[in-house]
PDB file of N, CA and C in Angstrom:
ATOM      1  N   MET A   1     -12.990   4.242 -16.570  1.00  0.00           N
ATOM      2  CA  MET A   1     -11.791   3.647 -15.995  1.00  0.00           C
ATOM      3  C   MET A   1     -12.166   2.354 -15.267  1.00  0.00           C
ATOM      4  N   ALA A   2     -11.329   1.378 -15.408  1.00  0.00           N
ATOM      5  CA  ALA A   2     -11.578   0.069 -14.810  1.00  0.00           C
ATOM      6  C   ALA A   2     -11.296   0.093 -13.313  1.00  0.00           C
ATOM      7  N   THR A   3     -11.955  -0.794 -12.605  1.00  0.00           N
ATOM      8  CA  THR A   3     -11.734  -0.933 -11.172  1.00  0.00           C
ATOM      9  C   THR A   3     -10.763  -2.073 -10.926  1.00  0.00           C
ATOM     10  N   TYR A   4      -9.781  -1.816 -10.096  1.00  0.00           N
ATOM     11  CA  TYR A   4      -8.772  -2.808  -9.756  1.00  0.00           C
ATOM     12  C   TYR A   4      -9.230  -3.605  -8.534  1.00  0.00           C
ATOM     13  N   THR A   5      -8.758  -4.838  -8.447  1.00  0.00           N
ATOM     14  CA  THR A   5      -8.972  -5.663  -7.266  1.00  0.00           C
ATOM     15  C   THR A   5      -7.801  -5.424  -6.328  1.00  0.00           C
ATOM     16  N   VAL A   6      -8.098  -5.108  -5.069  1.00  0.00           N
ATOM     17  CA  VAL A   6      -7.046  -4.848  -4.088  1.00  0.00           C
ATOM     18  C   VAL A   6      -6.919  -6.059  -3.175  1.00  0.00           C
ATOM     19  N   THR A   7      -5.713  -6.615  -3.098  1.00  0.00           N
ATOM     20  CA  THR A   7      -5.416  -7.759  -2.246  1.00  0.00           C
ATOM     21  C   THR A   7      -4.338  -7.336  -1.257  1.00  0.00           C
ATOM     22  N   ILE A   8      -4.527  -7.692   0.003  1.00  0.00           N
ATOM     23  CA  ILE A   8      -3.554  -7.365   1.041  1.00  0.00           C
ATOM     24  C   ILE A   8      -2.967  -8.669   1.562  1.00  0.00           C
ATOM     25  N   LEU A   9      -1.645  -8.774   1.547  1.00  0.00           N
ATOM     26  CA  LEU A   9      -1.000  -9.975   2.071  1.00  0.00           C
ATOM     27  C   LEU A   9      -1.307 -10.140   3.558  1.00  0.00           C
ATOM     28  N   PRO A  10      -1.436 -11.380   4.032  1.00  0.00           N
ATOM     29  CA  PRO A  10      -1.732 -11.619   5.451  1.00  0.00           C
ATOM     30  C   PRO A  10      -0.712 -10.973   6.393  1.00  0.00           C
ATOM     31  N   SER A  11       0.545 -10.951   6.014  1.00  0.00           N
ATOM     32  CA  SER A  11       1.567 -10.326   6.862  1.00  0.00           C
ATOM     33  C   SER A  11       1.310  -8.821   6.995  1.00  0.00           C
ATOM     34  N   ALA A  12       0.846  -8.179   5.936  1.00  0.00           N
ATOM     35  CA  ALA A  12       0.530  -6.751   5.990  1.00  0.00           C
ATOM     36  C   ALA A  12      -0.698  -6.506   6.865  1.00  0.00           C
ATOM     37  N   LEU A  13      -1.680  -7.397   6.792  1.00  0.00           N
ATOM     38  CA  LEU A  13      -2.860  -7.263   7.652  1.00  0.00           C
ATOM     39  C   LEU A  13      -2.497  -7.406   9.128  1.00  0.00           C
ATOM     40  N   ARG A  14      -1.592  -8.316   9.439  1.00  0.00           N
ATOM     41  CA  ARG A  14      -1.153  -8.474  10.833  1.00  0.00           C
ATOM     42  C   ARG A  14      -0.480  -7.216  11.345  1.00  0.00           C
ATOM     43  N   ARG A  15       0.366  -6.615  10.513  1.00  0.00           N
ATOM     44  CA  ARG A  15       1.029  -5.370  10.913  1.00  0.00           C
ATOM     45  C   ARG A  15       0.010  -4.251  11.103  1.00  0.00           C
ATOM     46  N   LEU A  16      -0.961  -4.174  10.227  1.00  0.00           N
ATOM     47  CA  LEU A  16      -1.995  -3.142  10.320  1.00  0.00           C
ATOM     48  C   LEU A  16      -2.758  -3.253  11.631  1.00  0.00           C
ATOM     49  N   ALA A  17      -3.015  -4.468  12.079  1.00  0.00           N
ATOM     50  CA  ALA A  17      -3.767  -4.681  13.316  1.00  0.00           C
ATOM     51  C   ALA A  17      -3.012  -4.186  14.552  1.00  0.00           C
ATOM     52  N   GLU A  18      -1.704  -3.983  14.439  1.00  0.00           N
ATOM     53  CA  GLU A  18      -0.898  -3.511  15.561  1.00  0.00           C
ATOM     54  C   GLU A  18      -0.967  -1.994  15.739  1.00  0.00           C
ATOM     55  N   PHE A  19      -1.440  -1.271  14.750  1.00  0.00           N
ATOM     56  CA  PHE A  19      -1.442   0.183  14.783  1.00  0.00           C
ATOM     57  C   PHE A  19      -2.643   0.711  15.577  1.00  0.00           C
ATOM     58  N   PRO A  20      -2.574   1.965  16.045  1.00  0.00           N
ATOM     59  CA  PRO A  20      -3.732   2.576  16.714  1.00  0.00           C
ATOM     60  C   PRO A  20      -4.944   2.608  15.795  1.00  0.00           C
ATOM     61  N   ARG A  21      -6.139   2.520  16.378  1.00  0.00           N
ATOM     62  CA  ARG A  21      -7.384   2.427  15.598  1.00  0.00           C
ATOM     63  C   ARG A  21      -7.551   3.567  14.594  1.00  0.00           C
ATOM     64  N   HIS A  22      -7.261   4.811  15.012  1.00  0.00           N
ATOM     65  CA  HIS A  22      -7.467   5.933  14.087  1.00  0.00           C
ATOM     66  C   HIS A  22      -6.514   5.848  12.897  1.00  0.00           C
ATOM     67  N   ASP A  23      -5.310   5.336  13.105  1.00  0.00           N
ATOM     68  CA  ASP A  23      -4.383   5.142  11.991  1.00  0.00           C
ATOM     69  C   ASP A  23      -4.848   4.003  11.090  1.00  0.00           C
ATOM     70  N   GLN A  24      -5.368   2.926  11.690  1.00  0.00           N
ATOM     71  CA  GLN A  24      -5.882   1.801  10.901  1.00  0.00           C
ATOM     72  C   GLN A  24      -6.972   2.278   9.951  1.00  0.00           C
ATOM     73  N   LYS A  25      -7.884   3.081  10.456  1.00  0.00           N
ATOM     74  CA  LYS A  25      -9.003   3.557   9.645  1.00  0.00           C
ATOM     75  C   LYS A  25      -8.501   4.394   8.464  1.00  0.00           C
ATOM     76  N   ARG A  26      -7.560   5.294   8.729  1.00  0.00           N
ATOM     77  CA  ARG A  26      -7.026   6.156   7.678  1.00  0.00           C
ATOM     78  C   ARG A  26      -6.291   5.327   6.623  1.00  0.00           C
ATOM     79  N   ILE A  27      -5.503   4.345   7.069  1.00  0.00           N
ATOM     80  CA  ILE A  27      -4.758   3.499   6.136  1.00  0.00           C
ATOM     81  C   ILE A  27      -5.711   2.661   5.287  1.00  0.00           C
ATOM     82  N   LYS A  28      -6.742   2.088   5.903  1.00  0.00           N
ATOM     83  CA  LYS A  28      -7.722   1.285   5.153  1.00  0.00           C
ATOM     84  C   LYS A  28      -8.414   2.120   4.088  1.00  0.00           C
ATOM     85  N   GLU A  29      -8.750   3.365   4.419  1.00  0.00           N
ATOM     86  CA  GLU A  29      -9.393   4.238   3.435  1.00  0.00           C
ATOM     87  C   GLU A  29      -8.471   4.504   2.256  1.00  0.00           C
ATOM     88  N   ARG A  30      -7.200   4.727   2.535  1.00  0.00           N
ATOM     89  CA  ARG A  30      -6.229   4.954   1.461  1.00  0.00           C
ATOM     90  C   ARG A  30      -6.082   3.717   0.585  1.00  0.00           C
ATOM     91  N   ILE A  31      -6.022   2.539   1.217  1.00  0.00           N
ATOM     92  CA  ILE A  31      -5.888   1.294   0.451  1.00  0.00           C
ATOM     93  C   ILE A  31      -7.129   1.059  -0.406  1.00  0.00           C
ATOM     94  N   ASP A  32      -8.318   1.304   0.153  1.00  0.00           N
ATOM     95  CA  ASP A  32      -9.547   1.136  -0.621  1.00  0.00           C
ATOM     96  C   ASP A  32      -9.576   2.058  -1.836  1.00  0.00           C
ATOM     97  N   GLY A  33      -8.972   3.229  -1.720  1.00  0.00           N
ATOM     98  CA  GLY A  33      -8.923   4.173  -2.827  1.00  0.00           C
ATOM     99  C   GLY A  33      -8.084   3.686  -3.996  1.00  0.00           C
ATOM    100  N   LEU A  34      -7.186   2.736  -3.740  1.00  0.00           N
ATOM    101  CA  LEU A  34      -6.349   2.197  -4.815  1.00  0.00           C
ATOM    102  C   LEU A  34      -7.163   1.431  -5.857  1.00  0.00           C
ATOM    103  N   ALA A  35      -8.342   0.955  -5.494  1.00  0.00           N
ATOM    104  CA  ALA A  35      -9.178   0.220  -6.444  1.00  0.00           C
ATOM    105  C   ALA A  35      -9.587   1.110  -7.611  1.00  0.00           C
ATOM    106  N   GLY A  36      -9.863   2.367  -7.343  1.00  0.00           N
ATOM    107  CA  GLY A  36     -10.264   3.286  -8.402  1.00  0.00           C
ATOM    108  C   GLY A  36      -9.100   3.931  -9.120  1.00  0.00           C
ATOM    109  N   ASP A  37      -8.013   4.188  -8.394  1.00  0.00           N
ATOM    110  CA  ASP A  37      -6.834   4.827  -8.971  1.00  0.00           C
ATOM    111  C   ASP A  37      -5.594   4.242  -8.304  1.00  0.00           C
ATOM    112  N   PRO A  38      -4.931   3.280  -8.956  1.00  0.00           N
ATOM    113  CA  PRO A  38      -3.780   2.630  -8.317  1.00  0.00           C
ATOM    114  C   PRO A  38      -2.535   3.510  -8.226  1.00  0.00           C
ATOM    115  N   ARG A  39      -2.559   4.651  -8.890  1.00  0.00           N
ATOM    116  CA  ARG A  39      -1.414   5.575  -8.814  1.00  0.00           C
ATOM    117  C   ARG A  39      -1.922   6.984  -8.531  1.00  0.00           C
ATOM    118  N   PRO A  40      -2.501   7.194  -7.338  1.00  0.00           N
ATOM    119  CA  PRO A  40      -3.038   8.522  -7.012  1.00  0.00           C
ATOM    120  C   PRO A  40      -1.911   9.542  -6.818  1.00  0.00           C
ATOM    121  N   PRO A  41      -2.237  10.825  -6.759  1.00  0.00           N
ATOM    122  CA  PRO A  41      -1.211  11.840  -6.500  1.00  0.00           C
ATOM    123  C   PRO A  41      -0.479  11.552  -5.192  1.00  0.00           C
ATOM    124  N   GLY A  42       0.820  11.737  -5.205  1.00  0.00           N
ATOM    125  CA  GLY A  42       1.614  11.501  -4.009  1.00  0.00           C
ATOM    126  C   GLY A  42       2.272  10.137  -3.960  1.00  0.00           C
ATOM    127  N   VAL A  43       1.890   9.248  -4.873  1.00  0.00           N
ATOM    128  CA  VAL A  43       2.493   7.913  -4.916  1.00  0.00           C
ATOM    129  C   VAL A  43       3.849   8.008  -5.594  1.00  0.00           C
ATOM    130  N   LYS A  44       4.821   7.290  -5.050  1.00  0.00           N
ATOM    131  CA  LYS A  44       6.161   7.286  -5.639  1.00  0.00           C
ATOM    132  C   LYS A  44       6.581   5.864  -5.973  1.00  0.00           C
ATOM    133  N   LYS A  45       7.311   5.748  -7.067  1.00  0.00           N
ATOM    134  CA  LYS A  45       7.879   4.455  -7.444  1.00  0.00           C
ATOM    135  C   LYS A  45       9.137   4.253  -6.617  1.00  0.00           C
ATOM    136  N   LEU A  46       9.324   3.050  -6.085  1.00  0.00           N
ATOM    137  CA  LEU A  46      10.511   2.773  -5.284  1.00  0.00           C
ATOM    138  C   LEU A  46      11.721   2.587  -6.184  1.00  0.00           C
ATOM    139  N   LYS A  47      12.807   3.230  -5.835  1.00  0.00           N
ATOM    140  CA  LYS A  47      14.045   3.084  -6.595  1.00  0.00           C
ATOM    141  C   LYS A  47      14.633   1.705  -6.332  1.00  0.00           C
ATOM    142  N   GLY A  48      15.140   1.086  -7.375  1.00  0.00           N
ATOM    143  CA  GLY A  48      15.763  -0.221  -7.238  1.00  0.00           C
ATOM    144  C   GLY A  48      14.773  -1.371  -7.228  1.00  0.00           C
ATOM    145  N   GLU A  49      13.501  -1.077  -7.227  1.00  0.00           N
ATOM    146  CA  GLU A  49      12.458  -2.108  -7.253  1.00  0.00           C
ATOM    147  C   GLU A  49      11.609  -1.854  -8.498  1.00  0.00           C
ATOM    148  N   PRO A  50      11.590  -2.781  -9.452  1.00  0.00           N
ATOM    149  CA  PRO A  50      10.953  -2.503 -10.735  1.00  0.00           C
ATOM    150  C   PRO A  50       9.449  -2.243 -10.687  1.00  0.00           C
ATOM    151  N   ASP A  51       8.726  -2.931  -9.824  1.00  0.00           N
ATOM    152  CA  ASP A  51       7.261  -2.826  -9.868  1.00  0.00           C
ATOM    153  C   ASP A  51       6.646  -2.393  -8.550  1.00  0.00           C
ATOM    154  N   LEU A  52       7.395  -1.782  -7.657  1.00  0.00           N
ATOM    155  CA  LEU A  52       6.855  -1.422  -6.348  1.00  0.00           C
ATOM    156  C   LEU A  52       6.626   0.082  -6.233  1.00  0.00           C
ATOM    157  N   PHE A  53       5.513   0.404  -5.587  1.00  0.00           N
ATOM    158  CA  PHE A  53       5.148   1.786  -5.326  1.00  0.00           C
ATOM    159  C   PHE A  53       4.949   1.963  -3.831  1.00  0.00           C
ATOM    160  N   ARG A  54       4.978   3.221  -3.387  1.00  0.00           N
ATOM    161  CA  ARG A  54       4.695   3.493  -1.988  1.00  0.00           C
ATOM    162  C   ARG A  54       3.896   4.774  -1.880  1.00  0.00           C
ATOM    163  N   PHE A  55       3.062   4.837  -0.841  1.00  0.00           N
ATOM    164  CA  PHE A  55       2.426   6.104  -0.521  1.00  0.00           C
ATOM    165  C   PHE A  55       2.344   6.267   0.983  1.00  0.00           C
ATOM    166  N   ARG A  56       2.188   7.510   1.375  1.00  0.00           N
ATOM    167  CA  ARG A  56       2.194   7.870   2.778  1.00  0.00           C
ATOM    168  C   ARG A  56       0.794   7.929   3.343  1.00  0.00           C
ATOM    169  N   SER A  57       0.711   7.602   4.629  1.00  0.00           N
ATOM    170  CA  SER A  57      -0.495   7.830   5.404  1.00  0.00           C
ATOM    171  C   SER A  57      -0.014   8.203   6.796  1.00  0.00           C
ATOM    172  N   GLY A  58       0.207   9.484   7.011  1.00  0.00           N
ATOM    173  CA  GLY A  58       0.789   9.944   8.263  1.00  0.00           C
ATOM    174  C   GLY A  58       2.226   9.453   8.373  1.00  0.00           C
ATOM    175  N   ASN A  59       2.558   8.811   9.484  1.00  0.00           N
ATOM    176  CA  ASN A  59       3.906   8.274   9.684  1.00  0.00           C
ATOM    177  C   ASN A  59       4.060   6.871   9.110  1.00  0.00           C
ATOM    178  N   TYR A  60       3.054   6.374   8.452  1.00  0.00           N
ATOM    179  CA  TYR A  60       3.079   5.018   7.924  1.00  0.00           C
ATOM    180  C   TYR A  60       3.230   5.036   6.411  1.00  0.00           C
ATOM    181  N   ARG A  61       3.769   3.932   5.899  1.00  0.00           N
ATOM    182  CA  ARG A  61       3.948   3.775   4.463  1.00  0.00           C
ATOM    183  C   ARG A  61       3.308   2.474   4.017  1.00  0.00           C
ATOM    184  N   ILE A  62       2.720   2.504   2.839  1.00  0.00           N
ATOM    185  CA  ILE A  62       2.103   1.330   2.247  1.00  0.00           C
ATOM    186  C   ILE A  62       2.894   1.019   0.977  1.00  0.00           C
ATOM    187  N   ILE A  63       3.457  -0.190   0.927  1.00  0.00           N
ATOM    188  CA  ILE A  63       4.233  -0.644  -0.219  1.00  0.00           C
ATOM    189  C   ILE A  63       3.353  -1.614  -1.011  1.00  0.00           C
ATOM    190  N   TYR A  64       3.231  -1.390  -2.315  1.00  0.00           N
ATOM    191  CA  TYR A  64       2.358  -2.247  -3.109  1.00  0.00           C
ATOM    192  C   TYR A  64       2.850  -2.343  -4.551  1.00  0.00           C
ATOM    193  N   SER A  65       2.313  -3.330  -5.260  1.00  0.00           N
ATOM    194  CA  SER A  65       2.608  -3.489  -6.684  1.00  0.00           C
ATOM    195  C   SER A  65       1.303  -3.421  -7.465  1.00  0.00           C
ATOM    196  N   VAL A  66       1.418  -3.087  -8.736  1.00  0.00           N
ATOM    197  CA  VAL A  66       0.246  -2.953  -9.603  1.00  0.00           C
ATOM    198  C   VAL A  66       0.435  -3.841 -10.819  1.00  0.00           C
ATOM    199  N   GLU A  67      -0.570  -4.651 -11.109  1.00  0.00           N
ATOM    200  CA  GLU A  67      -0.587  -5.458 -12.333  1.00  0.00           C
ATOM    201  C   GLU A  67      -1.686  -4.884 -13.222  1.00  0.00           C
ATOM    202  N   ASP A  68      -1.296  -4.058 -14.186  1.00  0.00           N
ATOM    203  CA  ASP A  68      -2.289  -3.401 -15.039  1.00  0.00           C
ATOM    204  C   ASP A  68      -3.015  -4.378 -15.951  1.00  0.00           C
ATOM    205  N   VAL A  69      -2.328  -5.423 -16.379  1.00  0.00           N
ATOM    206  CA  VAL A  69      -2.950  -6.389 -17.290  1.00  0.00           C
ATOM    207  C   VAL A  69      -4.091  -7.131 -16.592  1.00  0.00           C
ATOM    208  N   ARG A  70      -3.866  -7.514 -15.339  1.00  0.00           N
ATOM    209  CA  ARG A  70      -4.878  -8.275 -14.579  1.00  0.00           C
ATOM    210  C   ARG A  70      -5.748  -7.383 -13.702  1.00  0.00           C
ATOM    211  N   LEU A  71      -5.517  -6.067 -13.726  1.00  0.00           N
ATOM    212  CA  LEU A  71      -6.254  -5.108 -12.901  1.00  0.00           C
ATOM    213  C   LEU A  71      -6.204  -5.508 -11.428  1.00  0.00           C
ATOM    214  N   ASN A  72      -4.987  -5.721 -10.931  1.00  0.00           N
ATOM    215  CA  ASN A  72      -4.793  -6.166  -9.557  1.00  0.00           C
ATOM    216  C   ASN A  72      -3.779  -5.273  -8.846  1.00  0.00           C
ATOM    217  N   VAL A  73      -4.095  -4.919  -7.605  1.00  0.00           N
ATOM    218  CA  VAL A  73      -3.171  -4.191  -6.731  1.00  0.00           C
ATOM    219  C   VAL A  73      -2.883  -5.115  -5.559  1.00  0.00           C
ATOM    220  N   LEU A  74      -1.604  -5.357  -5.287  1.00  0.00           N
ATOM    221  CA  LEU A  74      -1.200  -6.232  -4.192  1.00  0.00           C
ATOM    222  C   LEU A  74      -0.445  -5.416  -3.153  1.00  0.00           C
ATOM    223  N   VAL A  75      -1.039  -5.275  -1.964  1.00  0.00           N
ATOM    224  CA  VAL A  75      -0.383  -4.566  -0.873  1.00  0.00           C
ATOM    225  C   VAL A  75       0.570  -5.547  -0.207  1.00  0.00           C
ATOM    226  N   ILE A  76       1.863  -5.223  -0.257  1.00  0.00           N
ATOM    227  CA  ILE A  76       2.904  -6.125   0.196  1.00  0.00           C
ATOM    228  C   ILE A  76       3.293  -5.868   1.645  1.00  0.00           C
ATOM    229  N   ARG A  77       3.379  -4.596   2.006  1.00  0.00           N
ATOM    230  CA  ARG A  77       3.862  -4.273   3.346  1.00  0.00           C
ATOM    231  C   ARG A  77       3.248  -2.963   3.810  1.00  0.00           C
ATOM    232  N   ILE A  78       2.921  -2.905   5.097  1.00  0.00           N
ATOM    233  CA  ILE A  78       2.438  -1.693   5.746  1.00  0.00           C
ATOM    234  C   ILE A  78       3.290  -1.536   6.999  1.00  0.00           C
ATOM    235  N   GLY A  79       3.833  -0.353   7.198  1.00  0.00           N
ATOM    236  CA  GLY A  79       4.658  -0.176   8.381  1.00  0.00           C
ATOM    237  C   GLY A  79       5.007   1.263   8.657  1.00  0.00           C
ATOM    238  N   HIS A  80       5.651   1.488   9.798  1.00  0.00           N
ATOM    239  CA  HIS A  80       6.113   2.814  10.166  1.00  0.00           C
ATOM    240  C   HIS A  80       7.227   3.234   9.213  1.00  0.00           C
ATOM    241  N   ARG A  81       7.320   4.491   8.950  1.00  0.00           N
ATOM    242  CA  ARG A  81       8.276   4.990   7.955  1.00  0.00           C
ATOM    243  C   ARG A  81       9.723   4.661   8.285  1.00  0.00           C
ATOM    244  N   ARG A  82      10.046   4.470   9.575  1.00  0.00           N
ATOM    245  CA  ARG A  82      11.441   4.220   9.944  1.00  0.00           C
ATOM    246  C   ARG A  82      11.904   2.810   9.616  1.00  0.00           C
ATOM    247  N   ASP A  83      10.970   1.849   9.493  1.00  0.00           N
ATOM    248  CA  ASP A  83      11.425   0.475   9.279  1.00  0.00           C
ATOM    249  C   ASP A  83      10.714  -0.286   8.166  1.00  0.00           C
ATOM    250  N   VAL A  84       9.825   0.346   7.440  1.00  0.00           N
ATOM    251  CA  VAL A  84       9.051  -0.380   6.428  1.00  0.00           C
ATOM    252  C   VAL A  84       9.913  -0.822   5.239  1.00  0.00           C
ATOM    253  N   TYR A  85      11.011  -0.129   4.987  1.00  0.00           N
ATOM    254  CA  TYR A  85      11.821  -0.431   3.803  1.00  0.00           C
ATOM    255  C   TYR A  85      12.873  -1.500   4.063  1.00  0.00           C
ATOM    256  N   ARG A  86      13.097  -1.855   5.323  1.00  0.00           N
ATOM    257  CA  ARG A  86      14.124  -2.860   5.645  1.00  0.00           C
ATOM    258  C   ARG A  86      13.746  -4.226   5.093  1.00  0.00           C
ATOM    259  N   GLY A  87      14.682  -4.839   4.412  1.00  0.00           N
ATOM    260  CA  GLY A  87      14.475  -6.191   3.924  1.00  0.00           C
ATOM    261  C   GLY A  87      13.668  -6.312   2.648  1.00  0.00           C
ATOM    262  N   LEU A  88      13.429  -5.195   1.961  1.00  0.00           N
ATOM    263  CA  LEU A  88      12.671  -5.286   0.705  1.00  0.00           C
ATOM    264  C   LEU A  88      13.508  -5.892  -0.384  1.00  0.00           C
TER     265      LEU A  88
END
């Protein structure tokens, strides 16, 4: 299986830096895992969005897209479950 390149948008990195350290570590580990399997168990496709997926990490959600042709995963947004979907 091919390895994907994981890219995180600067806005998502800024949001990640606001979270508690133990949550940051758990989220980073989950994001790093996307390189080997961009659609691990528990990932859901977002309704109404053609190419967006989300997965959970505690109370946080990671929204990302996958480009299978270019082997690229782009993390678009990281946030608390109550407000991460606003404005998508």
